[in-house]
Amino acid sequence: MLETAAHNTEADKILSVAQNVTRVQERMRQAALRAGRDPAAVRLVAARKTVDSARIRAAVAAGVTILGENYLQEARDKIGQLGRQVAEWHLIGTLQRNKVRYMFDLFDMMHGLDSLALAEEINRRAERLGRHMAVLLEVNVGGELTKSGFSPDVLLAEAPKLAQLQHLQVRGLMTIPPPTVHPEGARPFYRQLRELRERLVQQDIEGLEWHELSMGMTADFEVAIEEGATLVRVGTAIFGARPPATQHG
């Protein structure tokens, strides 16, 4: 009887994930339409920290094509279970420079490149391996002392230096705004990131692309889409609440 109950509970979780993916995708579609955007221009990144493989498989089966991971070791374990080709794998967050060498066999894109020094290390390692790495530059739009990332002014100044790193493929920007009580509170920060992207485009620096804006999580991804997000990082709305110590998406 206990085994049956446990099995039903797990089956319910898997079914819930599929339903949640459908709901999130519909909310994304509606947000894009409200903003007069093509829904196909916004992609979902399922942020899957601490999520078991069965629920990840359910998300992929329901249409998720990008999986976001915060930690190298957990990504290595899950990729070993699920396979490298099941989806795109994106690293969300920064990385210690002494661990850069491990990222190339795990990830298709990094969402949190937060300094020129880290960019140079990734480029050095990529050159040695004969590889390239697609990255999004993290911008600290709120000017928070507790968060890493480029300030807008520093990024505008250092963009030409980033363009010299031939094995780094800059694809756009990423941000995590300061915590807000209401989703609307995040709107000015997302608008600021979009406007920064426009200023970078105007610099017309060869070798840098600014197509992607990775912004918006469970609490505010619809606002982010209305402000121009091309990638939204959603975890809780798909996989359910995480333990309190790990709630970041």
C-alpha atoms as a PDB file:
ATOM      1  CA  MET A   1       0.000   0.000   0.000  1.00  0.00           C
ATOM      2  CA  LEU A   2       2.820   2.433   0.910  1.00  0.00           C
ATOM      3  CA  GLU A   3       4.678   1.623  -2.321  1.00  0.00           C
ATOM      4  CA  THR A   4       1.529   2.287  -4.346  1.00  0.00           C
ATOM      5  CA  ALA A   5       0.959   5.609  -2.608  1.00  0.00           C
ATOM      6  CA  ALA A   6       4.574   6.629  -3.203  1.00  0.00           C
ATOM      7  CA  HIS A   7       4.313   5.650  -6.870  1.00  0.00           C
ATOM      8  CA  ASN A   8       1.121   7.658  -7.271  1.00  0.00           C
ATOM      9  CA  THR A   9       2.736  10.669  -5.647  1.00  0.00           C
ATOM     10  CA  GLU A  10       5.678  10.530  -8.057  1.00  0.00           C
ATOM     11  CA  ALA A  11       3.348  10.037 -11.015  1.00  0.00           C
ATOM     12  CA  ASP A  12       1.344  13.053  -9.875  1.00  0.00           C
ATOM     13  CA  LYS A  13       4.505  15.154  -9.716  1.00  0.00           C
ATOM     14  CA  ILE A  14       5.467  14.183 -13.258  1.00  0.00           C
ATOM     15  CA  LEU A  15       1.963  14.958 -14.560  1.00  0.00           C
ATOM     16  CA  SER A  16       2.035  18.268 -12.702  1.00  0.00           C
ATOM     17  CA  VAL A  17       5.310  19.242 -14.379  1.00  0.00           C
ATOM     18  CA  ALA A  18       3.813  18.672 -17.841  1.00  0.00           C
ATOM     19  CA  GLN A  19       0.752  20.724 -16.945  1.00  0.00           C
ATOM     20  CA  ASN A  20       2.906  23.476 -15.492  1.00  0.00           C
ATOM     21  CA  VAL A  21       5.018  23.696 -18.645  1.00  0.00           C
ATOM     22  CA  THR A  22       1.849  24.130 -20.709  1.00  0.00           C
ATOM     23  CA  ARG A  23       0.583  26.859 -18.379  1.00  0.00           C
ATOM     24  CA  VAL A  24       3.887  28.729 -18.375  1.00  0.00           C
ATOM     25  CA  GLN A  25       4.152  28.558 -22.166  1.00  0.00           C
ATOM     26  CA  GLU A  26       0.638  29.963 -22.514  1.00  0.00           C
ATOM     27  CA  ARG A  27       1.415  32.798 -20.090  1.00  0.00           C
ATOM     28  CA  MET A  28       4.547  33.540 -22.108  1.00  0.00           C
ATOM     29  CA  ARG A  29       2.521  33.597 -25.313  1.00  0.00           C
ATOM     30  CA  GLN A  30      -0.058  35.963 -23.885  1.00  0.00           C
ATOM     31  CA  ALA A  31       2.609  38.310 -22.495  1.00  0.00           C
ATOM     32  CA  ALA A  32       4.326  38.476 -25.892  1.00  0.00           C
ATOM     33  CA  LEU A  33       1.049  39.218 -27.653  1.00  0.00           C
ATOM     34  CA  ARG A  34       0.219  41.982 -25.173  1.00  0.00           C
ATOM     35  CA  ALA A  35       3.521  43.608 -26.068  1.00  0.00           C
ATOM     36  CA  GLY A  36       2.962  43.165 -29.798  1.00  0.00           C
ATOM     37  CA  ARG A  37       5.783  40.642 -30.029  1.00  0.00           C
ATOM     38  CA  ASP A  38       6.067  37.307 -31.797  1.00  0.00           C
ATOM     39  CA  PRO A  39       5.720  34.606 -29.096  1.00  0.00           C
ATOM     40  CA  ALA A  40       8.297  32.529 -30.964  1.00  0.00           C
ATOM     41  CA  ALA A  41      10.886  35.212 -30.139  1.00  0.00           C
ATOM     42  CA  VAL A  42      10.835  34.247 -26.445  1.00  0.00           C
ATOM     43  CA  ARG A  43      12.325  30.969 -25.236  1.00  0.00           C
ATOM     44  CA  LEU A  44      11.815  29.178 -21.943  1.00  0.00           C
ATOM     45  CA  VAL A  45      14.782  28.092 -19.830  1.00  0.00           C
ATOM     46  CA  ALA A  46      13.661  25.538 -17.247  1.00  0.00           C
ATOM     47  CA  ALA A  47      15.793  26.339 -14.211  1.00  0.00           C
ATOM     48  CA  ARG A  48      16.194  22.910 -12.637  1.00  0.00           C
ATOM     49  CA  LYS A  49      18.407  23.240  -9.584  1.00  0.00           C
ATOM     50  CA  THR A  50      17.780  20.357  -7.104  1.00  0.00           C
ATOM     51  CA  VAL A  51      15.191  18.803  -9.450  1.00  0.00           C
ATOM     52  CA  ASP A  52      15.262  15.030  -9.972  1.00  0.00           C
ATOM     53  CA  SER A  53      15.751  13.459 -13.392  1.00  0.00           C
ATOM     54  CA  ALA A  54      12.169  12.132 -13.714  1.00  0.00           C
ATOM     55  CA  ARG A  55      10.703  15.612 -13.508  1.00  0.00           C
ATOM     56  CA  ILE A  56      13.304  16.975 -15.904  1.00  0.00           C
ATOM     57  CA  ARG A  57      12.373  14.271 -18.411  1.00  0.00           C
ATOM     58  CA  ALA A  58       8.709  15.230 -17.971  1.00  0.00           C
ATOM     59  CA  ALA A  59       9.523  18.863 -18.707  1.00  0.00           C
ATOM     60  CA  VAL A  60      11.464  17.931 -21.839  1.00  0.00           C
ATOM     61  CA  ALA A  61       8.626  15.667 -22.981  1.00  0.00           C
ATOM     62  CA  ALA A  62       6.235  18.593 -22.502  1.00  0.00           C
ATOM     63  CA  GLY A  63       8.263  20.802 -24.817  1.00  0.00           C
ATOM     64  CA  VAL A  64      11.122  22.305 -22.798  1.00  0.00           C
ATOM     65  CA  THR A  65      14.190  22.627 -25.024  1.00  0.00           C
ATOM     66  CA  ILE A  66      16.585  24.506 -22.705  1.00  0.00           C
ATOM     67  CA  LEU A  67      17.632  23.388 -19.219  1.00  0.00           C
ATOM     68  CA  GLY A  68      19.306  25.833 -16.862  1.00  0.00           C
ATOM     69  CA  GLU A  69      21.781  24.705 -14.220  1.00  0.00           C
ATOM     70  CA  ASN A  70      23.535  26.611 -11.441  1.00  0.00           C
ATOM     71  CA  TYR A  71      26.215  24.134 -10.388  1.00  0.00           C
ATOM     72  CA  LEU A  72      28.831  22.249 -12.382  1.00  0.00           C
ATOM     73  CA  GLN A  73      28.709  19.049 -10.344  1.00  0.00           C
ATOM     74  CA  GLU A  74      24.938  18.790 -10.446  1.00  0.00           C
ATOM     75  CA  ALA A  75      24.966  19.474 -14.176  1.00  0.00           C
ATOM     76  CA  ARG A  76      27.545  16.745 -14.690  1.00  0.00           C
ATOM     77  CA  ASP A  77      25.445  14.261 -12.739  1.00  0.00           C
ATOM     78  CA  LYS A  78      22.188  15.105 -14.525  1.00  0.00           C
ATOM     79  CA  ILE A  79      23.778  15.114 -17.979  1.00  0.00           C
ATOM     80  CA  GLY A  80      25.196  11.681 -17.161  1.00  0.00           C
ATOM     81  CA  GLN A  81      21.665  10.473 -16.412  1.00  0.00           C
ATOM     82  CA  LEU A  82      19.765  12.278 -19.160  1.00  0.00           C
ATOM     83  CA  GLY A  83      22.284  12.684 -21.978  1.00  0.00           C
ATOM     84  CA  ARG A  84      23.943  15.743 -23.464  1.00  0.00           C
ATOM     85  CA  GLN A  85      21.581  15.895 -26.442  1.00  0.00           C
ATOM     86  CA  VAL A  86      18.247  15.842 -24.597  1.00  0.00           C
ATOM     87  CA  ALA A  87      18.171  19.671 -24.616  1.00  0.00           C
ATOM     88  CA  GLU A  88      20.368  22.740 -24.631  1.00  0.00           C
ATOM     89  CA  TRP A  89      22.166  23.130 -21.300  1.00  0.00           C
ATOM     90  CA  HIS A  90      22.719  26.650 -20.008  1.00  0.00           C
ATOM     91  CA  LEU A  91      24.839  27.651 -17.031  1.00  0.00           C
ATOM     92  CA  ILE A  92      22.946  30.228 -14.963  1.00  0.00           C
ATOM     93  CA  GLY A  93      25.228  32.244 -12.740  1.00  0.00           C
ATOM     94  CA  THR A  94      28.902  32.985 -12.526  1.00  0.00           C
ATOM     95  CA  LEU A  95      31.814  30.572 -12.339  1.00  0.00           C
ATOM     96  CA  GLN A  96      35.106  30.472 -10.478  1.00  0.00           C
ATOM     97  CA  ARG A  97      37.989  30.909 -12.875  1.00  0.00           C
ATOM     98  CA  ASN A  98      39.655  27.675 -11.744  1.00  0.00           C
ATOM     99  CA  LYS A  99      36.575  25.734 -12.886  1.00  0.00           C
ATOM    100  CA  VAL A 100      36.265  27.246 -16.350  1.00  0.00           C
ATOM    101  CA  ARG A 101      37.854  24.219 -18.013  1.00  0.00           C
ATOM    102  CA  TYR A 102      34.915  22.020 -17.034  1.00  0.00           C
ATOM    103  CA  MET A 103      32.193  24.088 -18.672  1.00  0.00           C
ATOM    104  CA  PHE A 104      32.911  23.307 -22.316  1.00  0.00           C
ATOM    105  CA  ASP A 105      31.714  19.714 -22.285  1.00  0.00           C
ATOM    106  CA  LEU A 106      28.611  20.576 -20.248  1.00  0.00           C
ATOM    107  CA  PHE A 107      27.066  23.811 -21.460  1.00  0.00           C
ATOM    108  CA  ASP A 108      25.924  25.459 -24.672  1.00  0.00           C
ATOM    109  CA  MET A 109      25.676  28.934 -23.141  1.00  0.00           C
ATOM    110  CA  MET A 110      26.600  30.798 -19.972  1.00  0.00           C
ATOM    111  CA  HIS A 111      24.125  33.342 -18.585  1.00  0.00           C
ATOM    112  CA  GLY A 112      26.297  34.976 -15.958  1.00  0.00           C
ATOM    113  CA  LEU A 113      29.590  36.232 -17.308  1.00  0.00           C
ATOM    114  CA  ASP A 114      30.176  39.028 -14.810  1.00  0.00           C
ATOM    115  CA  SER A 115      33.658  40.464 -15.432  1.00  0.00           C
ATOM    116  CA  LEU A 116      36.300  41.080 -18.049  1.00  0.00           C
ATOM    117  CA  ALA A 117      38.730  38.905 -16.069  1.00  0.00           C
ATOM    118  CA  LEU A 118      36.390  35.903 -16.288  1.00  0.00           C
ATOM    119  CA  ALA A 119      35.802  36.594 -19.981  1.00  0.00           C
ATOM    120  CA  GLU A 120      39.540  36.523 -20.596  1.00  0.00           C
ATOM    121  CA  GLU A 121      39.926  33.230 -18.727  1.00  0.00           C
ATOM    122  CA  ILE A 122      37.094  31.587 -20.681  1.00  0.00           C
ATOM    123  CA  ASN A 123      38.639  32.833 -23.914  1.00  0.00           C
ATOM    124  CA  ARG A 124      42.099  31.489 -22.958  1.00  0.00           C
ATOM    125  CA  ARG A 125      40.709  28.076 -22.094  1.00  0.00           C
ATOM    126  CA  ALA A 126      38.549  27.975 -25.225  1.00  0.00           C
ATOM    127  CA  GLU A 127      41.527  28.830 -27.411  1.00  0.00           C
ATOM    128  CA  ARG A 128      43.567  25.998 -25.895  1.00  0.00           C
ATOM    129  CA  LEU A 129      40.727  23.568 -26.557  1.00  0.00           C
ATOM    130  CA  GLY A 130      39.986  24.888 -30.014  1.00  0.00           C
ATOM    131  CA  ARG A 131      36.451  25.671 -28.875  1.00  0.00           C
ATOM    132  CA  HIS A 132      34.095  28.635 -28.489  1.00  0.00           C
ATOM    133  CA  MET A 133      31.659  29.536 -25.715  1.00  0.00           C
ATOM    134  CA  ALA A 134      28.438  31.501 -26.115  1.00  0.00           C
ATOM    135  CA  VAL A 135      27.876  33.894 -23.222  1.00  0.00           C
ATOM    136  CA  LEU A 136      25.451  36.466 -21.898  1.00  0.00           C
ATOM    137  CA  LEU A 137      26.949  39.319 -19.907  1.00  0.00           C
ATOM    138  CA  GLU A 138      25.470  39.807 -16.446  1.00  0.00           C
ATOM    139  CA  VAL A 139      24.548  43.415 -15.688  1.00  0.00           C
ATOM    140  CA  ASN A 140      23.981  44.625 -12.142  1.00  0.00           C
ATOM    141  CA  VAL A 141      21.118  46.950 -13.073  1.00  0.00           C
ATOM    142  CA  GLY A 142      20.218  47.664  -9.452  1.00  0.00           C
ATOM    143  CA  GLY A 143      23.743  48.647  -8.422  1.00  0.00           C
ATOM    144  CA  GLU A 144      23.532  46.174  -5.535  1.00  0.00           C
ATOM    145  CA  LEU A 145      26.743  45.701  -3.584  1.00  0.00           C
ATOM    146  CA  THR A 146      25.859  42.082  -2.835  1.00  0.00           C
ATOM    147  CA  LYS A 147      25.571  41.123  -6.519  1.00  0.00           C
ATOM    148  CA  SER A 148      28.206  40.603  -9.153  1.00  0.00           C
ATOM    149  CA  GLY A 149      27.951  41.808 -12.726  1.00  0.00           C
ATOM    150  CA  PHE A 150      29.022  44.677 -14.947  1.00  0.00           C
ATOM    151  CA  SER A 151      27.684  48.096 -14.153  1.00  0.00           C
ATOM    152  CA  PRO A 152      26.134  49.648 -17.278  1.00  0.00           C
ATOM    153  CA  ASP A 153      28.901  52.263 -17.579  1.00  0.00           C
ATOM    154  CA  VAL A 154      31.694  49.714 -17.156  1.00  0.00           C
ATOM    155  CA  LEU A 155      30.155  47.439 -19.772  1.00  0.00           C
ATOM    156  CA  LEU A 156      29.848  50.272 -22.279  1.00  0.00           C
ATOM    157  CA  ALA A 157      33.525  51.068 -21.712  1.00  0.00           C
ATOM    158  CA  GLU A 158      34.793  47.476 -21.803  1.00  0.00           C
ATOM    159  CA  ALA A 159      32.720  46.184 -24.727  1.00  0.00           C
ATOM    160  CA  PRO A 160      35.554  46.842 -27.242  1.00  0.00           C
ATOM    161  CA  LYS A 161      37.882  44.702 -25.116  1.00  0.00           C
ATOM    162  CA  LEU A 162      35.352  41.873 -25.095  1.00  0.00           C
ATOM    163  CA  ALA A 163      35.206  42.055 -28.882  1.00  0.00           C
ATOM    164  CA  GLN A 164      38.910  41.170 -29.013  1.00  0.00           C
ATOM    165  CA  LEU A 165      38.305  37.783 -27.386  1.00  0.00           C
ATOM    166  CA  GLN A 166      37.949  35.656 -30.488  1.00  0.00           C
ATOM    167  CA  HIS A 167      36.804  32.461 -28.759  1.00  0.00           C
ATOM    168  CA  LEU A 168      34.075  34.192 -26.769  1.00  0.00           C
ATOM    169  CA  GLN A 169      30.713  34.541 -28.486  1.00  0.00           C
ATOM    170  CA  VAL A 170      28.851  37.409 -26.814  1.00  0.00           C
ATOM    171  CA  ARG A 171      25.151  36.915 -27.556  1.00  0.00           C
ATOM    172  CA  GLY A 172      23.487  39.446 -25.261  1.00  0.00           C
ATOM    173  CA  LEU A 173      22.754  40.469 -21.684  1.00  0.00           C
ATOM    174  CA  MET A 174      21.387  38.928 -18.500  1.00  0.00           C
ATOM    175  CA  THR A 175      20.197  40.386 -15.216  1.00  0.00           C
ATOM    176  CA  ILE A 176      18.588  39.583 -11.880  1.00  0.00           C
ATOM    177  CA  PRO A 177      16.822  42.695 -10.530  1.00  0.00           C
ATOM    178  CA  PRO A 178      16.631  43.652  -6.867  1.00  0.00           C
ATOM    179  CA  PRO A 179      13.872  41.821  -4.964  1.00  0.00           C
ATOM    180  CA  THR A 180      10.458  43.466  -5.293  1.00  0.00           C
ATOM    181  CA  VAL A 181       7.113  42.907  -3.577  1.00  0.00           C
ATOM    182  CA  HIS A 182       5.163  43.035  -6.841  1.00  0.00           C
ATOM    183  CA  PRO A 183       6.194  41.939 -10.346  1.00  0.00           C
ATOM    184  CA  GLU A 184       5.708  45.486 -11.601  1.00  0.00           C
ATOM    185  CA  GLY A 185       8.545  46.554  -9.344  1.00  0.00           C
ATOM    186  CA  ALA A 186      10.967  44.728 -11.629  1.00  0.00           C
ATOM    187  CA  ARG A 187       9.803  46.540 -14.770  1.00  0.00           C
ATOM    188  CA  PRO A 188      12.149  49.562 -14.524  1.00  0.00           C
ATOM    189  CA  PHE A 189      15.161  47.262 -14.204  1.00  0.00           C
ATOM    190  CA  TYR A 190      14.159  45.155 -17.205  1.00  0.00           C
ATOM    191  CA  ARG A 191      13.523  48.311 -19.198  1.00  0.00           C
ATOM    192  CA  GLN A 192      16.968  49.556 -18.192  1.00  0.00           C
ATOM    193  CA  LEU A 193      18.573  46.359 -19.508  1.00  0.00           C
ATOM    194  CA  ARG A 194      16.729  46.681 -22.815  1.00  0.00           C
ATOM    195  CA  GLU A 195      17.803  50.306 -23.151  1.00  0.00           C
ATOM    196  CA  LEU A 196      21.399  49.337 -22.352  1.00  0.00           C
ATOM    197  CA  ARG A 197      21.243  46.742 -25.104  1.00  0.00           C
ATOM    198  CA  GLU A 198      20.097  49.474 -27.507  1.00  0.00           C
ATOM    199  CA  ARG A 199      23.076  51.649 -26.542  1.00  0.00           C
ATOM    200  CA  LEU A 200      25.450  48.724 -27.107  1.00  0.00           C
ATOM    201  CA  VAL A 201      23.918  48.048 -30.511  1.00  0.00           C
ATOM    202  CA  GLN A 202      24.531  51.700 -31.417  1.00  0.00           C
ATOM    203  CA  GLN A 203      28.233  51.228 -30.653  1.00  0.00           C
ATOM    204  CA  ASP A 204      28.280  48.878 -33.658  1.00  0.00           C
ATOM    205  CA  ILE A 205      31.255  46.863 -32.422  1.00  0.00           C
ATOM    206  CA  GLU A 206      32.169  44.083 -34.818  1.00  0.00           C
ATOM    207  CA  GLY A 207      32.111  40.600 -33.289  1.00  0.00           C
ATOM    208  CA  LEU A 208      29.540  41.305 -30.576  1.00  0.00           C
ATOM    209  CA  GLU A 209      25.889  40.267 -30.804  1.00  0.00           C
ATOM    210  CA  TRP A 210      23.177  41.701 -28.581  1.00  0.00           C
ATOM    211  CA  HIS A 211      20.146  39.685 -29.637  1.00  0.00           C
ATOM    212  CA  GLU A 212      19.475  37.922 -26.320  1.00  0.00           C
ATOM    213  CA  LEU A 213      18.019  39.407 -23.151  1.00  0.00           C
ATOM    214  CA  SER A 214      17.882  36.812 -20.376  1.00  0.00           C
ATOM    215  CA  MET A 215      15.599  38.282 -17.725  1.00  0.00           C
ATOM    216  CA  GLY A 216      12.553  37.255 -15.763  1.00  0.00           C
ATOM    217  CA  MET A 217      11.893  34.382 -13.368  1.00  0.00           C
ATOM    218  CA  THR A 218       8.798  32.732 -11.912  1.00  0.00           C
ATOM    219  CA  ALA A 219       7.557  35.849 -10.111  1.00  0.00           C
ATOM    220  CA  ASP A 220       7.899  38.310 -12.979  1.00  0.00           C
ATOM    221  CA  PHE A 221       8.624  36.619 -16.313  1.00  0.00           C
ATOM    222  CA  GLU A 222       5.534  38.139 -17.949  1.00  0.00           C
ATOM    223  CA  VAL A 223       6.733  41.656 -17.117  1.00  0.00           C
ATOM    224  CA  ALA A 224      10.167  40.731 -18.480  1.00  0.00           C
ATOM    225  CA  ILE A 225       8.643  39.541 -21.750  1.00  0.00           C
ATOM    226  CA  GLU A 226       6.672  42.767 -22.072  1.00  0.00           C
ATOM    227  CA  GLU A 227       9.987  44.613 -21.708  1.00  0.00           C
ATOM    228  CA  GLY A 228      11.811  42.565 -24.343  1.00  0.00           C
ATOM    229  CA  ALA A 229      13.109  39.336 -22.780  1.00  0.00           C
ATOM    230  CA  THR A 230      14.135  36.675 -25.275  1.00  0.00           C
ATOM    231  CA  LEU A 231      14.974  34.095 -22.581  1.00  0.00           C
ATOM    232  CA  VAL A 232      13.062  33.663 -19.312  1.00  0.00           C
ATOM    233  CA  ARG A 233      14.444  31.470 -16.527  1.00  0.00           C
ATOM    234  CA  VAL A 234      11.563  29.714 -14.774  1.00  0.00           C
ATOM    235  CA  GLY A 235      11.942  27.085 -12.066  1.00  0.00           C
ATOM    236  CA  THR A 236       9.297  27.148  -9.341  1.00  0.00           C
ATOM    237  CA  ALA A 237       6.353  27.620 -11.717  1.00  0.00           C
ATOM    238  CA  ILE A 238       7.398  24.426 -13.499  1.00  0.00           C
ATOM    239  CA  PHE A 239       8.902  22.156 -10.868  1.00  0.00           C
ATOM    240  CA  GLY A 240       7.267  23.460  -7.701  1.00  0.00           C
ATOM    241  CA  ALA A 241       8.751  25.145  -4.659  1.00  0.00           C
ATOM    242  CA  ARG A 242      12.305  24.275  -3.664  1.00  0.00           C
ATOM    243  CA  PRO A 243      13.627  23.915  -0.142  1.00  0.00           C
ATOM    244  CA  PRO A 244      13.902  27.403   1.434  1.00  0.00           C
ATOM    245  CA  ALA A 245      17.698  27.435   1.253  1.00  0.00           C
ATOM    246  CA  THR A 246      17.653  27.009  -2.535  1.00  0.00           C
ATOM    247  CA  GLN A 247      14.812  29.262  -3.681  1.00  0.00           C
ATOM    248  CA  HIS A 248      16.280  31.494  -6.375  1.00  0.00           C
ATOM    249  CA  GLY A 249      14.010  31.082  -9.402  1.00  0.00           C
END
